[in-house]
Structures are given as C-alpha cells and as structure tokens.
Amino acid sequence: MGGFSYLSWPFAVAQLRLADPTAHWEVRRFDGLPYLASEIGVFVEVAVTVQGVTLSQIHPVLDSRNWPILAPTAFDINTSIQRCLVKAIALHGLGLYIYAGEDLPQLGTDPAANDPTPRSDPPAPMPKLVASKTINETQQRAIQRLVTETGVELPRLLEFYGVRSLADIAVADFLRVVRSLEAKLRAA
C-alpha cells in the first residue's frame, strides 16, 4: 500500500492473543468521538494492555501515501484506528521490526558521508534545535495536494501569502491556507 510496509491488523491481533490471551485494547475517545480533530490534523489513539502493562499509541489519520487527511471519512478514521492498533501492539514488541528505521534520516549519496569508520578528528558539535516557525513537509504536501485538487495557481497562492515557496509559509498561516483551499474545493 503506497510502497510502505504494513503488518496486517488481523495477524497482529492473532499473534497478540497467542502471546497473551488476556491482552486487550481500547480506542480512546475525545468528547465521545473515536478521533481528535485539532488545528494540525485528525488523530486517533489506541491503548493496548499486555500482561498488565498498558501502552498507547497516537496516530494521525493518513491516506495511502501517508499524507494527512484534512476531512477524513468514517472509513479513513477506522483505517487509522487499525493502523494505530498495530503500532500499539508493536510497542509491546510484536512486529516492531516493521517500524525500525522509519524515523531515521536517509543516507546521503556521498559515500564518505555514510562511512561508519571512526575518524581521529573530533565530531562536529550538534546544531541547536530551534522550533520551526514555518510549516513542515507534511503540511506542505497537504497544501500542495489541495492546490492540485482545486486548480489554484501555486504562484498566486504564494504571492497572496507573501512567500517564495510552500516551505516559507508561517505555521500561524497554515490553517488559514487550508481552510481557504477547502472552501474553494467545496464551492467547486
């Protein structure tokens, strides 16, 4: 699906039951709903208890390309709950290999940069992490997808917000951009 590796939820549940027949899970509720709609997306949460230990996983509602769905259907939410269940089971060790490396940076194309051989010179200091005031790549893809779906000219959108690229859009403007594009999509 979308070129990503998945552990099927029925297989994960079957293996979970073999490991602990009393294991159970709960879809967390937010004001009675099985999802949380926030300014940055829609999320689901599943808690899995194995041998008395409860671990929970929060998962965004994503499409098959792993892009956030800004207006998910009941099916999208259900699919994300199942993915979240599998990840919560993985927190207990089952299928964890599927997610190993998903948060690692891609190796560069320069072989010297990928060489794990120890060097005699000291490593460069780590850069200080600074909170980004511009939107992240996921948010950029969400806007790009809406731009494509609405037929809006990207240069005009960028000009309107006074930026040169999607990467320059301020976090504070993200919702305004999305809402205006969604409104245009509904009006079409």
N, C-alpha and C. Protein backbone atom coordinates (compact mmCIF):
# COMPACT_ATOMS: atom_id res chain seq x y z
N MET A 1 0.85 -1.18 0.00
CA MET A 1 0.00 0.00 0.00
C MET A 1 0.88 1.23 0.00
N GLY A 2 0.87 1.98 -1.09
CA GLY A 2 1.66 3.19 -1.17
C GLY A 2 3.15 2.96 -1.05
N GLY A 3 3.64 1.71 -1.24
CA GLY A 3 5.04 1.41 -1.14
C GLY A 3 5.56 1.30 0.29
N PHE A 4 4.66 1.25 1.26
CA PHE A 4 5.06 1.17 2.66
C PHE A 4 4.83 -0.24 3.17
N SER A 5 5.58 -0.64 4.19
CA SER A 5 5.39 -1.95 4.82
C SER A 5 4.33 -1.85 5.90
N TYR A 6 3.46 -2.83 5.91
CA TYR A 6 2.41 -2.87 6.92
C TYR A 6 2.32 -4.26 7.51
N LEU A 7 1.98 -4.33 8.77
CA LEU A 7 1.65 -5.58 9.43
C LEU A 7 0.13 -5.60 9.51
N SER A 8 -0.48 -6.59 8.91
CA SER A 8 -1.94 -6.68 8.87
C SER A 8 -2.49 -6.75 10.29
N TRP A 9 -3.54 -5.97 10.58
CA TRP A 9 -4.08 -5.94 11.94
C TRP A 9 -4.63 -7.30 12.37
N PRO A 10 -5.28 -8.11 11.50
CA PRO A 10 -5.74 -9.42 11.99
C PRO A 10 -4.57 -10.32 12.41
N PHE A 11 -3.46 -10.24 11.66
CA PHE A 11 -2.29 -11.03 12.02
C PHE A 11 -1.72 -10.54 13.35
N ALA A 12 -1.64 -9.22 13.51
CA ALA A 12 -1.10 -8.66 14.75
C ALA A 12 -1.95 -9.07 15.95
N VAL A 13 -3.28 -9.02 15.80
CA VAL A 13 -4.17 -9.39 16.91
C VAL A 13 -4.04 -10.88 17.20
N ALA A 14 -3.95 -11.71 16.15
CA ALA A 14 -3.80 -13.16 16.35
C ALA A 14 -2.51 -13.46 17.12
N GLN A 15 -1.43 -12.81 16.74
CA GLN A 15 -0.16 -13.04 17.43
C GLN A 15 -0.20 -12.50 18.86
N LEU A 16 -0.89 -11.38 19.04
CA LEU A 16 -1.05 -10.81 20.37
C LEU A 16 -1.78 -11.80 21.28
N ARG A 17 -2.85 -12.38 20.76
CA ARG A 17 -3.64 -13.35 21.55
C ARG A 17 -2.84 -14.61 21.87
N LEU A 18 -1.94 -15.00 20.96
CA LEU A 18 -1.07 -16.15 21.25
C LEU A 18 -0.10 -15.81 22.38
N ALA A 19 0.41 -14.59 22.36
CA ALA A 19 1.37 -14.16 23.38
C ALA A 19 0.70 -13.95 24.73
N ASP A 20 -0.54 -13.40 24.73
CA ASP A 20 -1.26 -13.15 25.97
C ASP A 20 -2.76 -13.20 25.68
N PRO A 21 -3.42 -14.33 25.97
CA PRO A 21 -4.85 -14.46 25.69
C PRO A 21 -5.71 -13.42 26.41
N THR A 22 -5.19 -12.81 27.46
CA THR A 22 -5.97 -11.80 28.19
C THR A 22 -5.69 -10.38 27.72
N ALA A 23 -4.82 -10.25 26.74
CA ALA A 23 -4.50 -8.91 26.22
C ALA A 23 -5.77 -8.26 25.68
N HIS A 24 -5.83 -6.94 25.84
CA HIS A 24 -6.98 -6.22 25.33
C HIS A 24 -6.56 -4.81 24.92
N TRP A 25 -7.44 -4.14 24.19
CA TRP A 25 -7.15 -2.79 23.73
C TRP A 25 -8.38 -1.92 23.82
N GLU A 26 -8.11 -0.63 23.78
CA GLU A 26 -9.18 0.35 23.89
C GLU A 26 -8.91 1.49 22.91
N VAL A 27 -9.93 1.84 22.14
CA VAL A 27 -9.85 3.02 21.30
C VAL A 27 -10.22 4.19 22.19
N ARG A 28 -9.29 5.11 22.36
CA ARG A 28 -9.54 6.25 23.24
C ARG A 28 -10.55 7.19 22.61
N ARG A 29 -11.34 7.82 23.45
CA ARG A 29 -12.40 8.74 23.00
C ARG A 29 -12.04 10.17 23.37
N PHE A 30 -12.48 11.08 22.52
CA PHE A 30 -12.29 12.51 22.73
C PHE A 30 -13.67 13.15 22.64
N ASP A 31 -14.22 13.55 23.77
CA ASP A 31 -15.58 14.07 23.82
C ASP A 31 -16.56 13.08 23.18
N GLY A 32 -16.35 11.80 23.44
CA GLY A 32 -17.23 10.75 22.94
C GLY A 32 -16.91 10.25 21.54
N LEU A 33 -16.00 10.91 20.85
CA LEU A 33 -15.66 10.52 19.48
C LEU A 33 -14.37 9.71 19.45
N PRO A 34 -14.23 8.78 18.49
CA PRO A 34 -13.01 7.97 18.41
C PRO A 34 -11.86 8.68 17.70
N TYR A 35 -11.91 9.98 17.61
CA TYR A 35 -10.85 10.76 16.98
C TYR A 35 -10.80 12.14 17.60
N LEU A 36 -9.64 12.78 17.41
CA LEU A 36 -9.43 14.14 17.90
C LEU A 36 -9.11 15.01 16.69
N ALA A 37 -9.94 15.99 16.44
CA ALA A 37 -9.69 16.95 15.37
C ALA A 37 -8.98 18.15 15.99
N SER A 38 -7.80 18.45 15.49
CA SER A 38 -7.03 19.57 16.03
C SER A 38 -6.65 20.52 14.90
N GLU A 39 -5.95 21.58 15.25
CA GLU A 39 -5.52 22.55 14.26
C GLU A 39 -4.52 21.97 13.27
N ILE A 40 -3.81 20.93 13.66
CA ILE A 40 -2.77 20.38 12.78
C ILE A 40 -3.17 19.06 12.13
N GLY A 41 -4.36 18.55 12.43
CA GLY A 41 -4.81 17.31 11.80
C GLY A 41 -5.77 16.55 12.68
N VAL A 42 -6.14 15.37 12.20
CA VAL A 42 -7.05 14.49 12.92
C VAL A 42 -6.24 13.30 13.42
N PHE A 43 -6.47 12.91 14.68
CA PHE A 43 -5.69 11.85 15.30
C PHE A 43 -6.59 10.82 15.95
N VAL A 44 -6.07 9.60 16.06
CA VAL A 44 -6.73 8.53 16.82
C VAL A 44 -5.72 8.01 17.83
N GLU A 45 -6.23 7.37 18.88
CA GLU A 45 -5.34 6.80 19.90
C GLU A 45 -5.90 5.44 20.32
N VAL A 46 -4.99 4.46 20.43
CA VAL A 46 -5.35 3.12 20.87
C VAL A 46 -4.38 2.73 21.99
N ALA A 47 -4.93 2.20 23.07
CA ALA A 47 -4.13 1.70 24.19
C ALA A 47 -4.25 0.18 24.21
N VAL A 48 -3.12 -0.51 24.30
CA VAL A 48 -3.09 -1.97 24.34
C VAL A 48 -2.50 -2.40 25.68
N THR A 49 -3.17 -3.34 26.33
CA THR A 49 -2.69 -3.87 27.61
C THR A 49 -2.25 -5.31 27.41
N VAL A 50 -0.99 -5.59 27.73
CA VAL A 50 -0.41 -6.92 27.63
C VAL A 50 0.24 -7.24 28.97
N GLN A 51 -0.17 -8.35 29.57
CA GLN A 51 0.37 -8.79 30.86
C GLN A 51 0.35 -7.65 31.88
N GLY A 52 -0.73 -6.90 31.87
CA GLY A 52 -0.92 -5.83 32.84
C GLY A 52 -0.24 -4.52 32.52
N VAL A 53 0.49 -4.45 31.42
CA VAL A 53 1.18 -3.22 31.04
C VAL A 53 0.41 -2.58 29.89
N THR A 54 0.00 -1.33 30.09
CA THR A 54 -0.76 -0.60 29.06
C THR A 54 0.15 0.42 28.40
N LEU A 55 0.20 0.34 27.09
CA LEU A 55 0.95 1.31 26.28
C LEU A 55 0.01 1.85 25.22
N SER A 56 0.07 3.14 24.96
CA SER A 56 -0.83 3.71 23.96
C SER A 56 -0.03 4.34 22.83
N GLN A 57 -0.70 4.42 21.71
CA GLN A 57 -0.11 4.99 20.50
C GLN A 57 -1.09 6.01 19.94
N ILE A 58 -0.59 7.17 19.56
CA ILE A 58 -1.40 8.18 18.88
C ILE A 58 -0.98 8.16 17.42
N HIS A 59 -1.96 8.22 16.53
CA HIS A 59 -1.68 8.08 15.11
C HIS A 59 -2.50 9.10 14.32
N PRO A 60 -1.89 9.81 13.39
CA PRO A 60 -2.66 10.74 12.56
C PRO A 60 -3.50 9.96 11.55
N VAL A 61 -4.59 10.54 11.12
CA VAL A 61 -5.40 9.93 10.07
C VAL A 61 -4.71 10.27 8.74
N LEU A 62 -4.24 9.22 8.05
CA LEU A 62 -3.45 9.38 6.83
C LEU A 62 -4.08 8.66 5.66
N ASP A 63 -3.71 9.09 4.45
CA ASP A 63 -4.16 8.37 3.27
C ASP A 63 -3.13 7.31 2.90
N SER A 64 -3.29 6.65 1.76
CA SER A 64 -2.40 5.55 1.39
C SER A 64 -0.98 6.01 1.08
N ARG A 65 -0.78 7.32 0.91
CA ARG A 65 0.57 7.85 0.68
C ARG A 65 1.18 8.38 1.97
N ASN A 66 0.49 8.14 3.09
CA ASN A 66 0.91 8.63 4.40
C ASN A 66 0.87 10.16 4.49
N TRP A 67 -0.10 10.75 3.83
CA TRP A 67 -0.35 12.19 3.91
C TRP A 67 -1.57 12.39 4.80
N PRO A 68 -1.57 13.44 5.60
CA PRO A 68 -2.73 13.70 6.46
C PRO A 68 -3.99 13.95 5.64
N ILE A 69 -5.09 13.43 6.13
CA ILE A 69 -6.39 13.67 5.52
C ILE A 69 -7.06 14.76 6.35
N LEU A 70 -7.33 15.88 5.73
CA LEU A 70 -7.85 17.03 6.46
C LEU A 70 -9.35 16.92 6.77
N ALA A 71 -10.08 16.16 5.94
CA ALA A 71 -11.51 15.94 6.18
C ALA A 71 -11.78 14.44 6.01
N PRO A 72 -11.38 13.63 7.00
CA PRO A 72 -11.49 12.18 6.85
C PRO A 72 -12.93 11.68 6.89
N THR A 73 -13.15 10.55 6.21
CA THR A 73 -14.43 9.86 6.27
C THR A 73 -14.38 8.87 7.43
N ALA A 74 -15.52 8.26 7.74
CA ALA A 74 -15.56 7.24 8.78
C ALA A 74 -14.61 6.10 8.43
N PHE A 75 -14.52 5.75 7.15
CA PHE A 75 -13.62 4.68 6.72
C PHE A 75 -12.16 5.06 6.97
N ASP A 76 -11.78 6.32 6.66
CA ASP A 76 -10.41 6.79 6.91
C ASP A 76 -10.07 6.69 8.39
N ILE A 77 -11.01 7.08 9.24
CA ILE A 77 -10.78 7.03 10.69
C ILE A 77 -10.64 5.58 11.14
N ASN A 78 -11.51 4.70 10.65
CA ASN A 78 -11.42 3.29 11.01
C ASN A 78 -10.08 2.69 10.57
N THR A 79 -9.65 3.01 9.36
CA THR A 79 -8.37 2.51 8.86
C THR A 79 -7.23 2.98 9.76
N SER A 80 -7.26 4.24 10.17
CA SER A 80 -6.21 4.76 11.04
C SER A 80 -6.25 4.13 12.42
N ILE A 81 -7.44 3.81 12.90
CA ILE A 81 -7.55 3.11 14.19
C ILE A 81 -6.88 1.75 14.09
N GLN A 82 -7.10 1.05 12.98
CA GLN A 82 -6.48 -0.28 12.81
C GLN A 82 -4.96 -0.15 12.72
N ARG A 83 -4.47 0.86 11.99
CA ARG A 83 -3.02 1.08 11.91
C ARG A 83 -2.47 1.42 13.29
N CYS A 84 -3.21 2.23 14.03
CA CYS A 84 -2.79 2.63 15.37
C CYS A 84 -2.75 1.42 16.29
N LEU A 85 -3.74 0.54 16.17
CA LEU A 85 -3.76 -0.69 16.97
C LEU A 85 -2.50 -1.50 16.73
N VAL A 86 -2.13 -1.66 15.47
CA VAL A 86 -0.92 -2.43 15.14
C VAL A 86 0.32 -1.78 15.74
N LYS A 87 0.40 -0.46 15.66
CA LYS A 87 1.56 0.22 16.24
C LYS A 87 1.57 0.09 17.76
N ALA A 88 0.39 0.15 18.39
CA ALA A 88 0.34 -0.01 19.84
C ALA A 88 0.74 -1.42 20.24
N ILE A 89 0.35 -2.41 19.44
CA ILE A 89 0.79 -3.79 19.70
C ILE A 89 2.31 -3.87 19.53
N ALA A 90 2.83 -3.18 18.51
CA ALA A 90 4.28 -3.19 18.26
C ALA A 90 5.06 -2.61 19.43
N LEU A 91 4.46 -1.67 20.15
CA LEU A 91 5.14 -1.12 21.33
C LEU A 91 5.46 -2.21 22.35
N HIS A 92 4.68 -3.29 22.30
CA HIS A 92 4.92 -4.42 23.20
C HIS A 92 5.91 -5.42 22.59
N GLY A 93 6.40 -5.14 21.37
CA GLY A 93 7.44 -5.97 20.77
C GLY A 93 7.02 -6.73 19.53
N LEU A 94 5.74 -6.94 19.29
CA LEU A 94 5.28 -7.72 18.14
C LEU A 94 5.27 -6.85 16.89
N GLY A 95 6.02 -7.25 15.89
CA GLY A 95 6.05 -6.52 14.63
C GLY A 95 6.84 -5.23 14.68
N LEU A 96 7.61 -5.05 15.72
CA LEU A 96 8.36 -3.81 15.88
C LEU A 96 9.34 -3.59 14.72
N TYR A 97 9.80 -4.68 14.12
CA TYR A 97 10.74 -4.59 13.01
C TYR A 97 10.16 -3.78 11.84
N ILE A 98 8.84 -3.77 11.68
CA ILE A 98 8.20 -3.03 10.59
C ILE A 98 8.53 -1.55 10.70
N TYR A 99 8.59 -1.05 11.93
CA TYR A 99 8.76 0.39 12.14
C TYR A 99 10.21 0.78 12.39
N ALA A 100 11.11 -0.19 12.48
CA ALA A 100 12.52 0.12 12.72
C ALA A 100 13.06 0.95 11.57
N GLY A 101 13.59 2.08 11.89
CA GLY A 101 14.19 2.94 10.87
C GLY A 101 13.24 3.92 10.23
N GLU A 102 11.94 3.90 10.58
CA GLU A 102 11.02 4.82 9.90
C GLU A 102 11.30 6.27 10.24
N ASP A 103 12.00 6.51 11.35
CA ASP A 103 12.29 7.89 11.72
C ASP A 103 13.76 8.24 11.53
N LEU A 104 14.51 7.37 10.82
CA LEU A 104 15.92 7.64 10.59
C LEU A 104 16.09 8.49 9.35
N PRO A 105 17.08 9.37 9.33
CA PRO A 105 17.31 10.17 8.13
C PRO A 105 17.82 9.28 7.00
N GLN A 106 17.54 9.68 5.75
CA GLN A 106 18.03 8.95 4.59
C GLN A 106 19.53 9.18 4.48
N LEU A 107 20.24 8.14 4.07
CA LEU A 107 21.68 8.28 3.87
C LEU A 107 21.94 9.13 2.64
N GLY A 108 23.01 9.91 2.70
CA GLY A 108 23.36 10.77 1.57
C GLY A 108 23.94 9.97 0.42
N THR A 109 24.15 10.64 -0.70
CA THR A 109 24.71 9.96 -1.87
C THR A 109 26.22 9.97 -1.84
N ASP A 110 26.83 10.77 -0.98
CA ASP A 110 28.28 10.82 -0.86
C ASP A 110 28.74 9.65 0.00
N PRO A 111 29.47 8.67 -0.59
CA PRO A 111 29.88 7.50 0.19
C PRO A 111 30.69 7.88 1.43
N ALA A 112 31.48 8.94 1.36
CA ALA A 112 32.28 9.33 2.53
C ALA A 112 31.39 9.76 3.68
N ALA A 113 30.25 10.35 3.37
CA ALA A 113 29.34 10.81 4.42
C ALA A 113 28.68 9.63 5.13
N ASN A 114 28.60 8.49 4.45
CA ASN A 114 27.96 7.31 5.02
C ASN A 114 28.95 6.35 5.66
N ASP A 115 30.22 6.66 5.59
CA ASP A 115 31.26 5.77 6.10
C ASP A 115 31.23 5.75 7.62
N PRO A 116 30.96 4.56 8.22
CA PRO A 116 30.90 4.49 9.67
C PRO A 116 32.26 4.38 10.33
N THR A 117 33.35 4.39 9.54
CA THR A 117 34.68 4.25 10.09
C THR A 117 34.99 5.41 11.03
N PRO A 118 35.48 5.10 12.25
CA PRO A 118 35.78 6.18 13.19
C PRO A 118 36.86 7.11 12.64
N ARG A 119 36.76 8.34 12.92
CA ARG A 119 37.73 9.35 12.49
C ARG A 119 38.56 9.77 13.70
N SER A 120 39.75 10.26 13.42
CA SER A 120 40.60 10.70 14.52
C SER A 120 40.24 12.11 14.97
N ASP A 121 39.66 12.90 14.04
CA ASP A 121 39.29 14.26 14.43
C ASP A 121 37.96 14.23 15.19
N PRO A 122 37.76 15.17 16.10
CA PRO A 122 36.54 15.16 16.91
C PRO A 122 35.31 15.43 16.05
N PRO A 123 34.18 14.88 16.45
CA PRO A 123 32.97 15.11 15.68
C PRO A 123 32.53 16.57 15.79
N ALA A 124 31.85 17.03 14.77
CA ALA A 124 31.33 18.40 14.78
C ALA A 124 30.26 18.50 15.85
N PRO A 125 30.15 19.66 16.50
CA PRO A 125 29.11 19.80 17.52
C PRO A 125 27.73 19.69 16.89
N MET A 126 26.79 19.17 17.66
CA MET A 126 25.42 19.05 17.18
C MET A 126 24.80 20.43 17.10
N PRO A 127 24.05 20.70 16.02
CA PRO A 127 23.39 22.01 15.95
C PRO A 127 22.30 22.11 16.99
N LYS A 128 22.06 23.33 17.46
CA LYS A 128 20.98 23.52 18.42
C LYS A 128 19.66 23.42 17.69
N LEU A 129 18.71 22.76 18.32
CA LEU A 129 17.40 22.62 17.71
C LEU A 129 16.58 23.86 18.01
N VAL A 130 16.04 24.44 16.97
CA VAL A 130 15.23 25.64 17.09
C VAL A 130 13.84 25.30 16.56
N ALA A 131 12.83 25.67 17.30
CA ALA A 131 11.47 25.42 16.84
C ALA A 131 11.23 26.14 15.53
N SER A 132 10.68 25.41 14.56
CA SER A 132 10.40 25.97 13.26
C SER A 132 9.18 26.88 13.32
N LYS A 133 9.29 28.02 12.66
CA LYS A 133 8.15 28.93 12.60
C LYS A 133 7.47 28.82 11.24
N THR A 134 7.95 27.89 10.40
CA THR A 134 7.33 27.65 9.11
C THR A 134 6.79 26.23 9.10
N ILE A 135 5.90 25.97 8.14
CA ILE A 135 5.24 24.66 8.11
C ILE A 135 6.23 23.56 7.75
N ASN A 136 5.89 22.34 8.21
CA ASN A 136 6.76 21.20 7.95
C ASN A 136 6.42 20.57 6.59
N GLU A 137 7.16 19.53 6.22
CA GLU A 137 6.97 18.89 4.91
C GLU A 137 5.59 18.26 4.77
N THR A 138 5.07 17.67 5.83
CA THR A 138 3.74 17.07 5.78
C THR A 138 2.69 18.14 5.50
N GLN A 139 2.81 19.27 6.16
CA GLN A 139 1.88 20.37 5.94
C GLN A 139 2.02 20.93 4.52
N GLN A 140 3.25 20.99 4.02
CA GLN A 140 3.48 21.46 2.65
C GLN A 140 2.80 20.52 1.66
N ARG A 141 2.93 19.20 1.87
CA ARG A 141 2.29 18.23 0.97
C ARG A 141 0.77 18.35 1.02
N ALA A 142 0.23 18.60 2.21
CA ALA A 142 -1.23 18.75 2.34
C ALA A 142 -1.70 19.96 1.54
N ILE A 143 -0.98 21.06 1.64
CA ILE A 143 -1.36 22.26 0.87
C ILE A 143 -1.19 21.99 -0.62
N GLN A 144 -0.09 21.36 -1.01
CA GLN A 144 0.15 21.06 -2.42
C GLN A 144 -0.97 20.19 -2.98
N ARG A 145 -1.42 19.22 -2.20
CA ARG A 145 -2.49 18.34 -2.66
C ARG A 145 -3.78 19.15 -2.86
N LEU A 146 -4.08 20.05 -1.93
CA LEU A 146 -5.27 20.90 -2.07
C LEU A 146 -5.15 21.86 -3.26
N VAL A 147 -3.96 22.37 -3.48
CA VAL A 147 -3.72 23.25 -4.63
C VAL A 147 -4.03 22.49 -5.92
N THR A 148 -3.55 21.27 -6.00
CA THR A 148 -3.79 20.43 -7.18
C THR A 148 -5.28 20.12 -7.34
N GLU A 149 -5.93 19.76 -6.24
CA GLU A 149 -7.35 19.41 -6.30
C GLU A 149 -8.23 20.60 -6.66
N THR A 150 -7.86 21.79 -6.24
CA THR A 150 -8.69 22.97 -6.50
C THR A 150 -8.35 23.64 -7.82
N GLY A 151 -7.17 23.37 -8.34
CA GLY A 151 -6.75 24.04 -9.57
C GLY A 151 -6.22 25.44 -9.33
N VAL A 152 -5.99 25.78 -8.07
CA VAL A 152 -5.44 27.10 -7.74
C VAL A 152 -4.01 27.18 -8.28
N GLU A 153 -3.65 28.34 -8.81
CA GLU A 153 -2.28 28.54 -9.29
C GLU A 153 -1.37 28.77 -8.09
N LEU A 154 -0.40 27.89 -7.93
CA LEU A 154 0.51 27.97 -6.78
C LEU A 154 1.21 29.33 -6.70
N PRO A 155 1.72 29.89 -7.81
CA PRO A 155 2.38 31.20 -7.69
C PRO A 155 1.46 32.28 -7.12
N ARG A 156 0.17 32.24 -7.48
CA ARG A 156 -0.77 33.23 -6.95
C ARG A 156 -0.98 33.04 -5.45
N LEU A 157 -1.07 31.77 -5.03
CA LEU A 157 -1.23 31.49 -3.60
C LEU A 157 -0.02 31.99 -2.82
N LEU A 158 1.17 31.69 -3.33
CA LEU A 158 2.40 32.12 -2.67
C LEU A 158 2.48 33.64 -2.60
N GLU A 159 2.11 34.29 -3.70
CA GLU A 159 2.13 35.75 -3.74
C GLU A 159 1.17 36.33 -2.70
N PHE A 160 -0.02 35.73 -2.61
CA PHE A 160 -1.02 36.21 -1.66
C PHE A 160 -0.49 36.17 -0.23
N TYR A 161 0.25 35.11 0.11
CA TYR A 161 0.79 34.98 1.47
C TYR A 161 2.18 35.60 1.61
N GLY A 162 2.69 36.20 0.53
CA GLY A 162 3.96 36.92 0.59
C GLY A 162 5.16 36.02 0.84
N VAL A 163 5.13 34.81 0.23
CA VAL A 163 6.25 33.87 0.40
C VAL A 163 6.73 33.39 -0.97
N ARG A 164 7.94 32.84 -1.00
CA ARG A 164 8.50 32.33 -2.26
C ARG A 164 8.19 30.87 -2.51
N SER A 165 7.95 30.09 -1.42
CA SER A 165 7.67 28.66 -1.58
C SER A 165 6.75 28.20 -0.45
N LEU A 166 6.19 27.01 -0.61
CA LEU A 166 5.35 26.46 0.46
C LEU A 166 6.13 26.35 1.76
N ALA A 167 7.42 26.06 1.67
CA ALA A 167 8.25 25.90 2.86
C ALA A 167 8.37 27.20 3.66
N ASP A 168 8.04 28.33 3.04
CA ASP A 168 8.14 29.62 3.71
C ASP A 168 6.85 30.05 4.40
N ILE A 169 5.78 29.27 4.24
CA ILE A 169 4.51 29.63 4.87
C ILE A 169 4.63 29.49 6.38
N ALA A 170 4.20 30.51 7.09
CA ALA A 170 4.28 30.51 8.55
C ALA A 170 3.30 29.49 9.14
N VAL A 171 3.70 28.87 10.23
CA VAL A 171 2.83 27.92 10.92
C VAL A 171 1.50 28.59 11.26
N ALA A 172 1.56 29.85 11.65
CA ALA A 172 0.35 30.58 12.03
C ALA A 172 -0.62 30.74 10.87
N ASP A 173 -0.13 30.64 9.62
CA ASP A 173 -1.00 30.78 8.44
C ASP A 173 -1.49 29.45 7.90
N PHE A 174 -0.98 28.34 8.40
CA PHE A 174 -1.31 27.03 7.83
C PHE A 174 -2.81 26.78 7.78
N LEU A 175 -3.48 26.95 8.91
CA LEU A 175 -4.92 26.68 8.93
C LEU A 175 -5.69 27.60 8.01
N ARG A 176 -5.28 28.84 7.93
CA ARG A 176 -5.96 29.79 7.06
C ARG A 176 -5.82 29.37 5.59
N VAL A 177 -4.62 28.91 5.20
CA VAL A 177 -4.39 28.45 3.83
C VAL A 177 -5.27 27.23 3.55
N VAL A 178 -5.24 26.26 4.46
CA VAL A 178 -6.00 25.02 4.27
C VAL A 178 -7.49 25.31 4.20
N ARG A 179 -7.98 26.12 5.12
CA ARG A 179 -9.42 26.41 5.15
C ARG A 179 -9.86 27.13 3.88
N SER A 180 -9.05 28.05 3.39
CA SER A 180 -9.45 28.76 2.17
C SER A 180 -9.44 27.81 0.97
N LEU A 181 -8.48 26.90 0.89
CA LEU A 181 -8.46 25.93 -0.20
C LEU A 181 -9.60 24.92 -0.09
N GLU A 182 -9.89 24.49 1.15
CA GLU A 182 -11.02 23.56 1.35
C GLU A 182 -12.33 24.23 0.98
N ALA A 183 -12.49 25.51 1.30
CA ALA A 183 -13.71 26.24 0.94
C ALA A 183 -13.86 26.32 -0.57
N LYS A 184 -12.75 26.56 -1.25
CA LYS A 184 -12.77 26.61 -2.71
C LYS A 184 -13.13 25.24 -3.28
N LEU A 185 -12.64 24.19 -2.67
CA LEU A 185 -12.94 22.83 -3.12
C LEU A 185 -14.43 22.52 -2.94
N ARG A 186 -14.98 22.94 -1.80
CA ARG A 186 -16.42 22.70 -1.55
C ARG A 186 -17.28 23.49 -2.52
N ALA A 187 -16.83 24.69 -2.88
CA ALA A 187 -17.60 25.56 -3.77
C ALA A 187 -17.58 25.07 -5.22
N ALA A 188 -16.58 24.26 -5.54
CA ALA A 188 -16.44 23.79 -6.94
C ALA A 188 -17.50 22.79 -7.33
